């Protein structure tokens, strides 16, 4: 994995763990996780067998190695 991809993944991890403190959205409000998800490329919903929500996998980059945020396993 290239340094550029590792830096990108680490930036995603830092933002998720520490918040989006220095970023402003298009309304000049603090950037939120919802703002982040509105720009994602794809979301795979993970459900329990009774169809209740378990988590999601969110695609945030593709074209080299794909980068997914997995809310079930808490991994990027």
N, C-alpha and C. Protein backbone atom coordinates (compact mmCIF):
# COMPACT_ATOMS: atom_id res chain seq x y z
N UNK A 1 0.85 -1.17 0.00
CA UNK A 1 0.00 0.00 0.00
C UNK A 1 0.90 1.23 0.00
N UNK A 2 0.57 2.19 -0.85
CA UNK A 2 1.41 3.39 -0.96
C UNK A 2 1.25 4.30 0.26
N UNK A 3 2.20 5.18 0.45
CA UNK A 3 2.15 6.14 1.56
C UNK A 3 0.93 7.05 1.42
N UNK A 4 0.60 7.45 0.20
CA UNK A 4 -0.55 8.32 -0.02
C UNK A 4 -1.85 7.65 0.43
N UNK A 5 -2.01 6.37 0.11
CA UNK A 5 -3.21 5.65 0.52
C UNK A 5 -3.23 5.46 2.03
N UNK A 6 -2.09 5.12 2.61
CA UNK A 6 -2.02 4.97 4.08
C UNK A 6 -2.37 6.28 4.78
N UNK A 7 -1.86 7.41 4.26
CA UNK A 7 -2.17 8.72 4.84
C UNK A 7 -3.66 9.02 4.72
N UNK A 8 -4.25 8.67 3.58
CA UNK A 8 -5.68 8.91 3.38
C UNK A 8 -6.51 8.09 4.37
N UNK A 9 -6.15 6.82 4.52
CA UNK A 9 -6.86 5.95 5.47
C UNK A 9 -6.68 6.48 6.89
N UNK A 10 -5.47 6.88 7.25
CA UNK A 10 -5.22 7.40 8.60
C UNK A 10 -6.01 8.67 8.84
N UNK A 11 -6.16 9.52 7.83
CA UNK A 11 -6.96 10.73 7.96
C UNK A 11 -8.43 10.38 8.23
N UNK A 12 -8.95 9.38 7.55
CA UNK A 12 -10.33 8.92 7.78
C UNK A 12 -10.47 8.44 9.22
N UNK A 13 -9.53 7.62 9.68
CA UNK A 13 -9.56 7.10 11.05
C UNK A 13 -9.52 8.26 12.05
N UNK A 14 -8.62 9.20 11.86
CA UNK A 14 -8.50 10.34 12.78
C UNK A 14 -9.80 11.14 12.82
N UNK A 15 -10.40 11.41 11.66
CA UNK A 15 -11.65 12.16 11.64
C UNK A 15 -12.77 11.42 12.35
N UNK A 16 -12.84 10.11 12.16
CA UNK A 16 -13.90 9.34 12.82
C UNK A 16 -13.70 9.26 14.33
N UNK A 17 -12.44 9.14 14.75
CA UNK A 17 -12.16 9.02 16.18
C UNK A 17 -12.21 10.35 16.91
N UNK A 18 -11.79 11.43 16.25
CA UNK A 18 -11.64 12.72 16.93
C UNK A 18 -12.62 13.78 16.47
N UNK A 19 -13.43 13.46 15.50
CA UNK A 19 -14.36 14.46 14.99
C UNK A 19 -13.74 15.25 13.85
N UNK A 20 -14.56 16.07 13.25
CA UNK A 20 -14.16 16.86 12.10
C UNK A 20 -13.98 18.30 12.55
N UNK A 21 -13.07 18.54 13.47
CA UNK A 21 -12.98 19.79 14.21
C UNK A 21 -12.68 21.01 13.36
N UNK A 22 -11.80 20.90 12.39
CA UNK A 22 -11.38 22.08 11.65
C UNK A 22 -12.07 22.25 10.31
N UNK A 23 -12.99 21.36 9.99
CA UNK A 23 -13.67 21.41 8.70
C UNK A 23 -15.04 22.07 8.84
N UNK A 24 -15.41 22.85 7.83
CA UNK A 24 -16.74 23.46 7.79
C UNK A 24 -17.48 22.92 6.57
N UNK A 25 -18.79 22.68 6.74
CA UNK A 25 -19.58 22.22 5.61
C UNK A 25 -20.00 23.40 4.75
N UNK A 26 -20.84 23.15 3.75
CA UNK A 26 -21.23 24.21 2.83
C UNK A 26 -22.08 25.29 3.50
N UNK A 27 -22.62 25.04 4.68
CA UNK A 27 -23.39 26.03 5.43
C UNK A 27 -22.54 26.73 6.48
N UNK A 28 -21.22 26.57 6.40
CA UNK A 28 -20.26 27.14 7.35
C UNK A 28 -20.51 26.67 8.78
N UNK A 29 -21.04 25.47 8.91
CA UNK A 29 -21.22 24.83 10.20
C UNK A 29 -20.12 23.77 10.35
N UNK A 30 -19.88 23.33 11.59
CA UNK A 30 -18.89 22.28 11.80
C UNK A 30 -19.27 21.05 10.99
N UNK A 31 -18.30 20.47 10.31
CA UNK A 31 -18.49 19.29 9.48
C UNK A 31 -18.89 18.13 10.37
N UNK A 32 -19.94 17.41 10.00
CA UNK A 32 -20.45 16.30 10.82
C UNK A 32 -20.27 14.97 10.08
N UNK A 33 -20.51 13.89 10.79
CA UNK A 33 -20.46 12.57 10.16
C UNK A 33 -21.52 12.47 9.07
N UNK A 34 -22.67 13.11 9.24
CA UNK A 34 -23.70 13.10 8.20
C UNK A 34 -23.18 13.76 6.93
N UNK A 35 -22.46 14.88 7.07
CA UNK A 35 -21.86 15.53 5.90
C UNK A 35 -20.88 14.58 5.22
N UNK A 36 -20.11 13.87 6.01
CA UNK A 36 -19.14 12.93 5.47
C UNK A 36 -19.85 11.83 4.69
N UNK A 37 -20.93 11.29 5.25
CA UNK A 37 -21.64 10.21 4.59
C UNK A 37 -22.38 10.68 3.33
N UNK A 38 -22.74 11.95 3.27
CA UNK A 38 -23.45 12.43 2.09
C UNK A 38 -22.57 12.40 0.85
N UNK A 39 -21.25 12.33 1.03
CA UNK A 39 -20.32 12.27 -0.10
C UNK A 39 -19.77 10.86 -0.34
N UNK A 40 -20.27 9.88 0.38
CA UNK A 40 -19.74 8.53 0.20
C UNK A 40 -20.16 7.98 -1.16
N UNK A 41 -19.47 6.95 -1.60
CA UNK A 41 -19.70 6.38 -2.92
C UNK A 41 -20.73 5.27 -2.89
N UNK A 42 -20.82 4.55 -1.79
CA UNK A 42 -21.78 3.45 -1.67
C UNK A 42 -21.92 3.09 -0.20
N UNK A 43 -23.09 2.56 0.15
CA UNK A 43 -23.32 2.06 1.51
C UNK A 43 -23.93 0.67 1.40
N UNK A 44 -23.34 -0.30 2.08
CA UNK A 44 -23.91 -1.63 2.21
C UNK A 44 -24.47 -1.75 3.61
N UNK A 45 -25.76 -1.97 3.71
CA UNK A 45 -26.41 -2.09 5.02
C UNK A 45 -26.27 -3.52 5.52
N UNK A 46 -25.95 -3.69 6.79
CA UNK A 46 -25.81 -5.01 7.40
C UNK A 46 -26.96 -5.16 8.39
N UNK A 47 -27.76 -6.22 8.19
CA UNK A 47 -28.95 -6.43 9.01
C UNK A 47 -28.86 -7.76 9.74
N UNK A 48 -29.56 -7.83 10.89
CA UNK A 48 -29.74 -9.09 11.58
C UNK A 48 -30.79 -9.90 10.81
N UNK A 49 -30.95 -11.17 11.13
CA UNK A 49 -31.92 -12.01 10.41
C UNK A 49 -33.35 -11.52 10.57
N UNK A 50 -33.64 -10.76 11.64
CA UNK A 50 -34.99 -10.21 11.80
C UNK A 50 -35.13 -8.83 11.14
N UNK A 51 -34.12 -8.47 10.34
CA UNK A 51 -34.06 -7.23 9.55
C UNK A 51 -33.90 -5.96 10.38
N UNK A 52 -33.40 -6.11 11.60
CA UNK A 52 -33.05 -4.92 12.37
C UNK A 52 -31.61 -4.52 12.00
N UNK A 53 -31.32 -3.26 12.15
CA UNK A 53 -30.04 -2.70 11.73
C UNK A 53 -28.90 -3.21 12.60
N UNK A 54 -27.86 -3.68 11.97
CA UNK A 54 -26.66 -4.11 12.69
C UNK A 54 -25.51 -3.14 12.45
N UNK A 55 -25.39 -2.62 11.24
CA UNK A 55 -24.30 -1.71 10.90
C UNK A 55 -24.28 -1.47 9.41
N UNK A 56 -23.16 -0.95 8.94
CA UNK A 56 -23.02 -0.66 7.52
C UNK A 56 -21.56 -0.69 7.13
N UNK A 57 -21.33 -0.86 5.84
CA UNK A 57 -20.01 -0.69 5.24
C UNK A 57 -20.15 0.48 4.28
N UNK A 58 -19.28 1.47 4.43
CA UNK A 58 -19.37 2.70 3.65
C UNK A 58 -18.12 2.80 2.76
N UNK A 59 -18.34 2.87 1.45
CA UNK A 59 -17.24 2.99 0.50
C UNK A 59 -16.87 4.46 0.37
N UNK A 60 -15.61 4.79 0.71
CA UNK A 60 -15.18 6.18 0.66
C UNK A 60 -14.11 6.44 -0.40
N UNK A 61 -13.53 5.37 -0.97
CA UNK A 61 -12.56 5.54 -2.04
C UNK A 61 -12.47 4.24 -2.82
N UNK A 62 -12.21 4.36 -4.12
CA UNK A 62 -12.02 3.19 -4.95
C UNK A 62 -11.07 3.53 -6.08
N UNK A 63 -10.66 2.53 -6.83
CA UNK A 63 -9.81 2.77 -7.97
C UNK A 63 -8.40 2.27 -7.77
N UNK A 64 -7.91 2.25 -6.57
CA UNK A 64 -6.67 1.58 -6.20
C UNK A 64 -7.18 0.47 -5.33
N UNK A 65 -6.72 0.36 -4.13
CA UNK A 65 -7.48 -0.48 -3.22
C UNK A 65 -8.73 0.28 -2.79
N UNK A 66 -9.84 -0.40 -2.69
CA UNK A 66 -11.06 0.22 -2.19
C UNK A 66 -10.91 0.48 -0.69
N UNK A 67 -11.50 1.58 -0.22
CA UNK A 67 -11.44 1.92 1.20
C UNK A 67 -12.87 1.93 1.73
N UNK A 68 -13.14 1.05 2.68
CA UNK A 68 -14.45 0.91 3.30
C UNK A 68 -14.34 1.27 4.78
N UNK A 69 -15.37 1.91 5.30
CA UNK A 69 -15.54 2.09 6.74
C UNK A 69 -16.56 1.05 7.16
N UNK A 70 -16.18 0.16 8.06
CA UNK A 70 -17.07 -0.91 8.50
C UNK A 70 -17.53 -0.61 9.93
N UNK A 71 -18.80 -0.27 10.10
CA UNK A 71 -19.30 0.09 11.42
C UNK A 71 -19.61 -1.13 12.28
N UNK A 72 -19.63 -2.31 11.69
CA UNK A 72 -19.86 -3.53 12.46
C UNK A 72 -18.58 -3.92 13.19
N UNK A 73 -17.46 -3.86 12.49
CA UNK A 73 -16.17 -4.26 13.07
C UNK A 73 -15.35 -3.07 13.56
N UNK A 74 -15.86 -1.84 13.33
CA UNK A 74 -15.15 -0.60 13.69
C UNK A 74 -13.77 -0.54 13.06
N UNK A 75 -13.71 -0.84 11.77
CA UNK A 75 -12.44 -0.81 11.04
C UNK A 75 -12.57 0.03 9.78
N UNK A 76 -11.43 0.58 9.33
CA UNK A 76 -11.33 1.23 8.02
C UNK A 76 -10.48 0.32 7.17
